[in-house]
C-alpha atoms as a PDB file:
ATOM      1  CA  MET A   1      27.609  -6.285  82.285  1.00  0.00           C
ATOM      2  CA  PRO A   2      26.596  -3.066  84.079  1.00  0.00           C
ATOM      3  CA  GLU A   3      29.435  -1.047  85.581  1.00  0.00           C
ATOM      4  CA  ARG A   4      29.870  -0.629  89.297  1.00  0.00           C
ATOM      5  CA  HIS A   5      29.885   2.960  90.507  1.00  0.00           C
ATOM      6  CA  PHE A   6      31.737   5.000  93.091  1.00  0.00           C
ATOM      7  CA  ILE A   7      29.517   6.944  95.470  1.00  0.00           C
ATOM      8  CA  LYS A   8      30.724  10.022  97.348  1.00  0.00           C
ATOM      9  CA  TYR A   9      28.805  11.601 100.224  1.00  0.00           C
ATOM     10  CA  THR A  10      30.257  15.062 100.853  1.00  0.00           C
ATOM     11  CA  PHE A  11      28.883  16.953 103.863  1.00  0.00           C
ATOM     12  CA  LEU A  12      29.714  20.657 104.045  1.00  0.00           C
ATOM     13  CA  GLN A  13      29.466  23.201 106.827  1.00  0.00           C
ATOM     14  CA  VAL A  14      29.643  26.919 106.042  1.00  0.00           C
ATOM     15  CA  ASP A  15      31.364  29.382 108.351  1.00  0.00           C
ATOM     16  CA  PRO A  16      28.697  31.666 109.910  1.00  0.00           C
ATOM     17  CA  ALA A  17      30.880  34.636 108.961  1.00  0.00           C
ATOM     18  CA  TRP A  18      30.029  33.948 105.303  1.00  0.00           C
ATOM     19  CA  ARG A  19      26.449  35.043 105.977  1.00  0.00           C
ATOM     20  CA  ARG A  20      27.718  38.505 106.905  1.00  0.00           C
ATOM     21  CA  LEU A  21      29.235  39.077 103.477  1.00  0.00           C
ATOM     22  CA  SER A  22      27.368  41.324 101.082  1.00  0.00           C
ATOM     23  CA  ASP A  23      24.491  39.929  99.026  1.00  0.00           C
ATOM     24  CA  GLN A  24      26.587  40.375  95.890  1.00  0.00           C
ATOM     25  CA  GLU A  25      29.530  38.374  97.260  1.00  0.00           C
ATOM     26  CA  ARG A  26      27.338  35.531  98.483  1.00  0.00           C
ATOM     27  CA  SER A  27      25.484  35.402  95.177  1.00  0.00           C
ATOM     28  CA  ALA A  28      28.769  35.217  93.268  1.00  0.00           C
ATOM     29  CA  HIS A  29      29.991  32.396  95.501  1.00  0.00           C
ATOM     30  CA  LYS A  30      26.773  30.453  94.915  1.00  0.00           C
ATOM     31  CA  ARG A  31      27.053  30.896  91.150  1.00  0.00           C
ATOM     32  CA  GLU A  32      30.596  29.509  91.157  1.00  0.00           C
ATOM     33  CA  PHE A  33      29.549  26.563  93.297  1.00  0.00           C
ATOM     34  CA  THR A  34      26.551  25.911  91.054  1.00  0.00           C
ATOM     35  CA  ALA A  35      28.674  26.033  87.904  1.00  0.00           C
ATOM     36  CA  ALA A  36      30.998  23.333  89.266  1.00  0.00           C
ATOM     37  CA  CYS A  37      28.024  21.147  90.184  1.00  0.00           C
ATOM     38  CA  GLU A  38      26.297  21.616  86.837  1.00  0.00           C
ATOM     39  CA  ASP A  39      29.485  20.700  84.986  1.00  0.00           C
ATOM     40  CA  PHE A  40      29.768  17.400  86.896  1.00  0.00           C
ATOM     41  CA  ALA A  41      26.028  16.690  86.653  1.00  0.00           C
ATOM     42  CA  ASP A  42      26.325  16.706  82.852  1.00  0.00           C
ATOM     43  CA  GLY A  43      26.862  12.953  82.549  1.00  0.00           C
ATOM     44  CA  HIS A  44      26.880  11.959  86.220  1.00  0.00           C
ATOM     45  CA  LEU A  45      24.402  11.613  89.046  1.00  0.00           C
ATOM     46  CA  LEU A  46      24.555  14.523  91.471  1.00  0.00           C
ATOM     47  CA  ARG A  47      21.941  15.160  94.140  1.00  0.00           C
ATOM     48  CA  SER A  48      21.823  17.940  96.721  1.00  0.00           C
ATOM     49  CA  PHE A  49      20.278  17.898 100.183  1.00  0.00           C
ATOM     50  CA  SER A  50      19.885  20.470 102.943  1.00  0.00           C
ATOM     51  CA  LEU A  51      20.723  19.684 106.565  1.00  0.00           C
ATOM     52  CA  VAL A  52      19.840  23.151 107.854  1.00  0.00           C
ATOM     53  CA  GLY A  53      17.766  22.538 110.949  1.00  0.00           C
ATOM     54  CA  THR A  54      18.531  18.803 111.177  1.00  0.00           C
ATOM     55  CA  ARG A  55      22.239  18.790 112.149  1.00  0.00           C
ATOM     56  CA  GLY A  56      24.372  21.268 114.043  1.00  0.00           C
ATOM     57  CA  ASP A  57      27.628  20.300 112.331  1.00  0.00           C
ATOM     58  CA  ALA A  58      26.702  20.092 108.628  1.00  0.00           C
ATOM     59  CA  ASP A  59      24.634  22.326 106.358  1.00  0.00           C
ATOM     60  CA  LEU A  60      24.373  20.420 103.076  1.00  0.00           C
ATOM     61  CA  LEU A  61      25.114  17.121 101.388  1.00  0.00           C
ATOM     62  CA  LEU A  62      26.276  16.513  97.841  1.00  0.00           C
ATOM     63  CA  LEU A  63      25.795  12.928  96.681  1.00  0.00           C
ATOM     64  CA  SER A  64      27.905  12.285  93.588  1.00  0.00           C
ATOM     65  CA  GLN A  65      28.220   9.090  91.567  1.00  0.00           C
ATOM     66  CA  SER A  66      30.515   7.996  88.759  1.00  0.00           C
ATOM     67  CA  ALA A  67      31.939   4.787  87.322  1.00  0.00           C
ATOM     68  CA  ASN A  68      35.305   6.601  87.258  1.00  0.00           C
ATOM     69  CA  LEU A  69      36.859   7.640  90.573  1.00  0.00           C
ATOM     70  CA  ASP A  70      38.990  10.277  88.862  1.00  0.00           C
ATOM     71  CA  HIS A  71      35.816  12.094  87.799  1.00  0.00           C
ATOM     72  CA  ILE A  72      34.748  12.419  91.441  1.00  0.00           C
ATOM     73  CA  HIS A  73      38.239  13.649  92.326  1.00  0.00           C
ATOM     74  CA  GLU A  74      38.176  16.217  89.516  1.00  0.00           C
ATOM     75  CA  PHE A  75      34.724  17.414  90.558  1.00  0.00           C
ATOM     76  CA  HIS A  76      35.888  18.155  94.085  1.00  0.00           C
ATOM     77  CA  VAL A  77      39.012  19.908  92.796  1.00  0.00           C
ATOM     78  CA  VAL A  78      36.853  22.238  90.690  1.00  0.00           C
ATOM     79  CA  LEU A  79      34.356  22.655  93.517  1.00  0.00           C
ATOM     80  CA  ALA A  80      37.178  23.786  95.825  1.00  0.00           C
ATOM     81  CA  GLN A  81      37.894  26.672  93.447  1.00  0.00           C
ATOM     82  CA  SER A  82      34.503  28.260  94.134  1.00  0.00           C
ATOM     83  CA  GLY A  83      34.250  31.192  96.502  1.00  0.00           C
ATOM     84  CA  LEU A  84      31.801  29.361  98.746  1.00  0.00           C
ATOM     85  CA  MET A  85      34.245  26.526  99.460  1.00  0.00           C
ATOM     86  CA  LYS A  86      36.735  29.037 100.838  1.00  0.00           C
ATOM     87  CA  TRP A  87      34.220  29.514 103.652  1.00  0.00           C
ATOM     88  CA  ALA A  88      33.298  25.843 104.057  1.00  0.00           C
ATOM     89  CA  THR A  89      34.682  22.790 105.797  1.00  0.00           C
ATOM     90  CA  THR A  90      33.969  19.102 105.193  1.00  0.00           C
ATOM     91  CA  PRO A  91      33.130  17.665 108.630  1.00  0.00           C
ATOM     92  CA  TYR A  92      32.095  14.307 107.149  1.00  0.00           C
ATOM     93  CA  SER A  93      33.012  12.558 103.920  1.00  0.00           C
ATOM     94  CA  TYR A  94      32.249   8.983 102.876  1.00  0.00           C
ATOM     95  CA  LEU A  95      33.515   7.144  99.805  1.00  0.00           C
ATOM     96  CA  ALA A  96      31.945   3.847  98.760  1.00  0.00           C
ATOM     97  CA  MET A  97      31.297   1.633  95.763  1.00  0.00           C
ATOM     98  CA  THR A  98      28.333  -0.397  94.575  1.00  0.00           C
ATOM     99  CA  LYS A  99      28.275  -4.188  94.265  1.00  0.00           C
ATOM    100  CA  PRO A 100      25.635  -6.952  94.244  1.00  0.00           C
ATOM    101  CA  SER A 101      24.269  -7.979  97.636  1.00  0.00           C
ATOM    102  CA  GLU A 102      25.416 -11.255  99.213  1.00  0.00           C
ATOM    103  CA  TYR A 103      22.054 -11.729 100.872  1.00  0.00           C
ATOM    104  CA  SER A 104      19.402 -10.864  98.283  1.00  0.00           C
ATOM    105  CA  ASP A 105      18.875 -11.051  94.530  1.00  0.00           C
ATOM    106  CA  GLU A 106      18.811  -7.278  94.140  1.00  0.00           C
ATOM    107  CA  SER A 107      21.860  -5.835  92.401  1.00  0.00           C
ATOM    108  CA  ARG A 108      22.546  -2.213  93.249  1.00  0.00           C
ATOM    109  CA  LEU A 109      25.281  -1.306  90.794  1.00  0.00           C
ATOM    110  CA  GLU A 110      24.023   2.267  90.817  1.00  0.00           C
ATOM    111  CA  VAL A 111      22.470   4.394  93.522  1.00  0.00           C
ATOM    112  CA  ARG A 112      19.028   4.847  92.026  1.00  0.00           C
ATOM    113  CA  PRO A 113      18.024   8.512  91.636  1.00  0.00           C
ATOM    114  CA  GLY A 114      14.865   8.423  93.721  1.00  0.00           C
ATOM    115  CA  HIS A 115      12.294  11.106  94.284  1.00  0.00           C
ATOM    116  CA  SER A 116      11.666  10.847  98.020  1.00  0.00           C
ATOM    117  CA  HIS A 117      11.798  14.004 100.102  1.00  0.00           C
ATOM    118  CA  TYR A 118      14.056  12.672 102.862  1.00  0.00           C
ATOM    119  CA  LEU A 119      17.344  10.780 102.839  1.00  0.00           C
ATOM    120  CA  PHE A 120      18.774   9.187 105.975  1.00  0.00           C
ATOM    121  CA  VAL A 121      22.484   8.387 105.726  1.00  0.00           C
ATOM    122  CA  TYR A 122      24.950   6.739 108.077  1.00  0.00           C
ATOM    123  CA  PRO A 123      28.240   4.821 107.953  1.00  0.00           C
ATOM    124  CA  PHE A 124      28.108   1.239 109.169  1.00  0.00           C
ATOM    125  CA  VAL A 125      30.697  -1.162 110.615  1.00  0.00           C
ATOM    126  CA  LYS A 126      30.099  -4.763 111.681  1.00  0.00           C
ATOM    127  CA  THR A 127      32.043  -6.644 114.359  1.00  0.00           C
ATOM    128  CA  ARG A 128      34.836  -9.036 113.389  1.00  0.00           C
ATOM    129  CA  GLU A 129      32.770 -11.806 114.960  1.00  0.00           C
ATOM    130  CA  TRP A 130      30.267 -11.363 112.121  1.00  0.00           C
ATOM    131  CA  TYR A 131      32.858 -12.221 109.491  1.00  0.00           C
ATOM    132  CA  ARG A 132      33.961 -15.312 111.397  1.00  0.00           C
ATOM    133  CA  LEU A 133      30.475 -16.816 111.110  1.00  0.00           C
ATOM    134  CA  PRO A 134      29.938 -19.409 108.343  1.00  0.00           C
ATOM    135  CA  ALA A 135      28.525 -17.908 105.162  1.00  0.00           C
ATOM    136  CA  ASP A 136      25.252 -19.839 105.431  1.00  0.00           C
ATOM    137  CA  GLU A 137      24.776 -18.607 109.020  1.00  0.00           C
ATOM    138  CA  ARG A 138      25.281 -14.993 107.989  1.00  0.00           C
ATOM    139  CA  TRP A 139      22.792 -15.507 105.156  1.00  0.00           C
ATOM    140  CA  ARG A 140      20.217 -16.927 107.608  1.00  0.00           C
ATOM    141  CA  ILE A 141      20.600 -14.024 110.022  1.00  0.00           C
ATOM    142  CA  MET A 142      20.278 -11.447 107.259  1.00  0.00           C
ATOM    143  CA  GLN A 143      16.997 -12.896 106.003  1.00  0.00           C
ATOM    144  CA  GLU A 144      15.262 -11.716 109.178  1.00  0.00           C
ATOM    145  CA  HIS A 145      16.833  -8.292 108.719  1.00  0.00           C
ATOM    146  CA  ILE A 146      15.650  -8.120 105.108  1.00  0.00           C
ATOM    147  CA  GLN A 147      12.154  -9.307 106.006  1.00  0.00           C
ATOM    148  CA  VAL A 148      11.750  -6.539 108.573  1.00  0.00           C
ATOM    149  CA  GLY A 149      12.734  -4.008 105.923  1.00  0.00           C
ATOM    150  CA  LYS A 150      10.052  -5.331 103.577  1.00  0.00           C
ATOM    151  CA  GLU A 151       7.426  -4.472 106.194  1.00  0.00           C
ATOM    152  CA  TYR A 152       8.115  -0.786 105.437  1.00  0.00           C
ATOM    153  CA  PRO A 153       7.491  -0.451 101.673  1.00  0.00           C
ATOM    154  CA  SER A 154       7.599   3.355 101.885  1.00  0.00           C
ATOM    155  CA  ILE A 155      11.366   3.114 102.490  1.00  0.00           C
ATOM    156  CA  ASP A 156      13.930   2.434  99.777  1.00  0.00           C
ATOM    157  CA  LEU A 157      17.442   1.351 100.779  1.00  0.00           C
ATOM    158  CA  ASN A 158      20.663   1.991  98.877  1.00  0.00           C
ATOM    159  CA  THR A 159      23.712   0.219 100.286  1.00  0.00           C
ATOM    160  CA  SER A 160      27.236   0.903  99.082  1.00  0.00           C
ATOM    161  CA  TYR A 161      30.493  -0.703 100.182  1.00  0.00           C
ATOM    162  CA  SER A 162      33.654   0.921 101.544  1.00  0.00           C
ATOM    163  CA  PHE A 163      35.975  -2.012 102.383  1.00  0.00           C
ATOM    164  CA  GLY A 164      39.494  -0.715 101.871  1.00  0.00           C
ATOM    165  CA  LEU A 165      38.244   2.568 100.383  1.00  0.00           C
ATOM    166  CA  ASP A 166      37.312   4.453 103.559  1.00  0.00           C
ATOM    167  CA  ASP A 167      37.094   3.986 107.339  1.00  0.00           C
ATOM    168  CA  GLN A 168      33.598   2.457 107.374  1.00  0.00           C
ATOM    169  CA  GLU A 169      32.565  -0.847 105.767  1.00  0.00           C
ATOM    170  CA  PHE A 170      29.237   0.310 104.324  1.00  0.00           C
ATOM    171  CA  VAL A 171      27.325   3.504 103.727  1.00  0.00           C
ATOM    172  CA  VAL A 172      23.563   3.044 103.961  1.00  0.00           C
ATOM    173  CA  ALA A 173      21.105   5.580 102.588  1.00  0.00           C
ATOM    174  CA  PHE A 174      17.366   5.224 103.177  1.00  0.00           C
ATOM    175  CA  GLU A 175      14.927   7.250 101.081  1.00  0.00           C
ATOM    176  CA  THR A 176      11.347   7.930 102.160  1.00  0.00           C
ATOM    177  CA  ASP A 177       8.628  10.555 102.328  1.00  0.00           C
ATOM    178  CA  ARG A 178       7.644   9.330 105.796  1.00  0.00           C
ATOM    179  CA  PRO A 179      10.298   9.910 108.492  1.00  0.00           C
ATOM    180  CA  ALA A 180       8.108   8.199 111.113  1.00  0.00           C
ATOM    181  CA  ASP A 181       8.346   4.960 109.130  1.00  0.00           C
ATOM    182  CA  PHE A 182      12.124   5.191 109.159  1.00  0.00           C
ATOM    183  CA  LEU A 183      12.197   5.780 112.907  1.00  0.00           C
ATOM    184  CA  ASP A 184       9.973   2.734 113.437  1.00  0.00           C
ATOM    185  CA  LEU A 185      12.096   0.615 111.089  1.00  0.00           C
ATOM    186  CA  VAL A 186      15.335   1.446 112.894  1.00  0.00           C
ATOM    187  CA  GLN A 187      13.745   0.697 116.254  1.00  0.00           C
ATOM    188  CA  ARG A 188      12.511  -2.664 114.927  1.00  0.00           C
ATOM    189  CA  LEU A 189      15.923  -3.526 113.521  1.00  0.00           C
ATOM    190  CA  ARG A 190      17.425  -3.131 116.995  1.00  0.00           C
ATOM    191  CA  THR A 191      15.534  -6.274 118.004  1.00  0.00           C
ATOM    192  CA  THR A 192      16.892  -8.491 115.214  1.00  0.00           C
ATOM    193  CA  GLU A 193      19.720 -10.978 115.622  1.00  0.00           C
ATOM    194  CA  SER A 194      21.838  -9.116 113.078  1.00  0.00           C
ATOM    195  CA  SER A 195      21.984  -6.047 115.332  1.00  0.00           C
ATOM    196  CA  GLU A 196      24.127  -8.031 117.789  1.00  0.00           C
ATOM    197  CA  TYR A 197      26.930  -7.760 115.248  1.00  0.00           C
ATOM    198  CA  THR A 198      26.759  -3.976 114.774  1.00  0.00           C
ATOM    199  CA  LYS A 199      29.929  -2.228 115.898  1.00  0.00           C
ATOM    200  CA  ARG A 200      29.159   1.308 114.711  1.00  0.00           C
ATOM    201  CA  ASP A 201      26.255   2.973 112.901  1.00  0.00           C
ATOM    202  CA  THR A 202      26.705   6.668 113.681  1.00  0.00           C
ATOM    203  CA  PRO A 203      26.677   9.553 112.942  1.00  0.00           C
ATOM    204  CA  THR A 204      23.224   9.628 111.375  1.00  0.00           C
ATOM    205  CA  PHE A 205      22.219  12.378 108.947  1.00  0.00           C
ATOM    206  CA  THR A 206      18.650  13.503 108.249  1.00  0.00           C
ATOM    207  CA  CYS A 207      18.779  15.143 104.828  1.00  0.00           C
ATOM    208  CA  ILE A 208      16.070  17.054 102.971  1.00  0.00           C
ATOM    209  CA  ALA A 209      16.118  16.699  99.182  1.00  0.00           C
ATOM    210  CA  ALA A 210      16.118  20.025  97.349  1.00  0.00           C
ATOM    211  CA  SER A 211      17.287  21.643  94.161  1.00  0.00           C
ATOM    212  CA  LEU A 212      20.811  23.010  94.333  1.00  0.00           C
ATOM    213  CA  GLU A 213      19.433  26.565  94.282  1.00  0.00           C
ATOM    214  CA  ARG A 214      17.165  25.868  97.227  1.00  0.00           C
ATOM    215  CA  THR A 215      19.940  24.037  99.104  1.00  0.00           C
ATOM    216  CA  LEU A 216      22.306  26.988  98.699  1.00  0.00           C
ATOM    217  CA  ASN A 217      19.674  29.594  99.532  1.00  0.00           C
ATOM    218  CA  ALA A 218      18.917  27.744 102.763  1.00  0.00           C
ATOM    219  CA  LEU A 219      22.462  28.589 103.868  1.00  0.00           C
ATOM    220  CA  ASP A 220      21.726  32.311 104.216  1.00  0.00           C
ATOM    221  CA  GLY A 221      17.935  32.495 104.026  1.00  0.00           C
ATOM    222  CA  ALA A 222      17.928  34.080 100.585  1.00  0.00           C
ATOM    223  CA  ALA A 223      14.559  34.423  98.889  1.00  0.00           C
ATOM    224  CA  LEU A 224      13.571  31.462  96.735  1.00  0.00           C
ATOM    225  CA  THR A 225      12.456  31.714  93.146  1.00  0.00           C
ATOM    226  CA  PRO A 226       9.378  29.695  92.121  1.00  0.00           C
ATOM    227  CA  ALA A 227      11.598  27.345  90.079  1.00  0.00           C
ATOM    228  CA  SER A 228      13.678  26.412  93.109  1.00  0.00           C
ATOM    229  CA  ILE A 229      10.797  25.415  95.368  1.00  0.00           C
END
């Protein structure tokens, strides 16, 4: 049977004062950060995203995945030893785990490493009234929700679960190359019956997929090499 995986969404914000360091210092900090990421990525899923220009309180996202929670812990311990992390804070952090869906036949025991250019992430909490509904009623309500999602085939959804692991109940991550489709989908979902049972679905993060080199160079506007574009 396939293993379930832990998913960690780590959002970082870099102190603006870091950009005033010398080119040599910033380059050294990036190399240390990259080395920690490459070590974890050898055997685990690790994806990087830039939020420069899309959020005012976060600059990058690291999405890490492992069947072993200790590996995610160890990765962040090593990451904290890099020079860049001495200038960074973690304004948002979400821990979740995969499991089969109650409402569809799709099993998402791993966050699939997609190739879309944009990732939209947000934590999600339902009302307690939702959980007091009979199971067959919840299933009925969710079928409308799922059907609306199928009307937007350009969007791929990865849902992970945080019950007892973190403050939210779910972390949802939508991948697409067409942000307008995602905007339209979210607006449509507001009209469904299931939305009546939403307690919280913010903050929302618009993330741009990029190589780690490009993600780090976006922090200080450093020139990009052809391989990082």
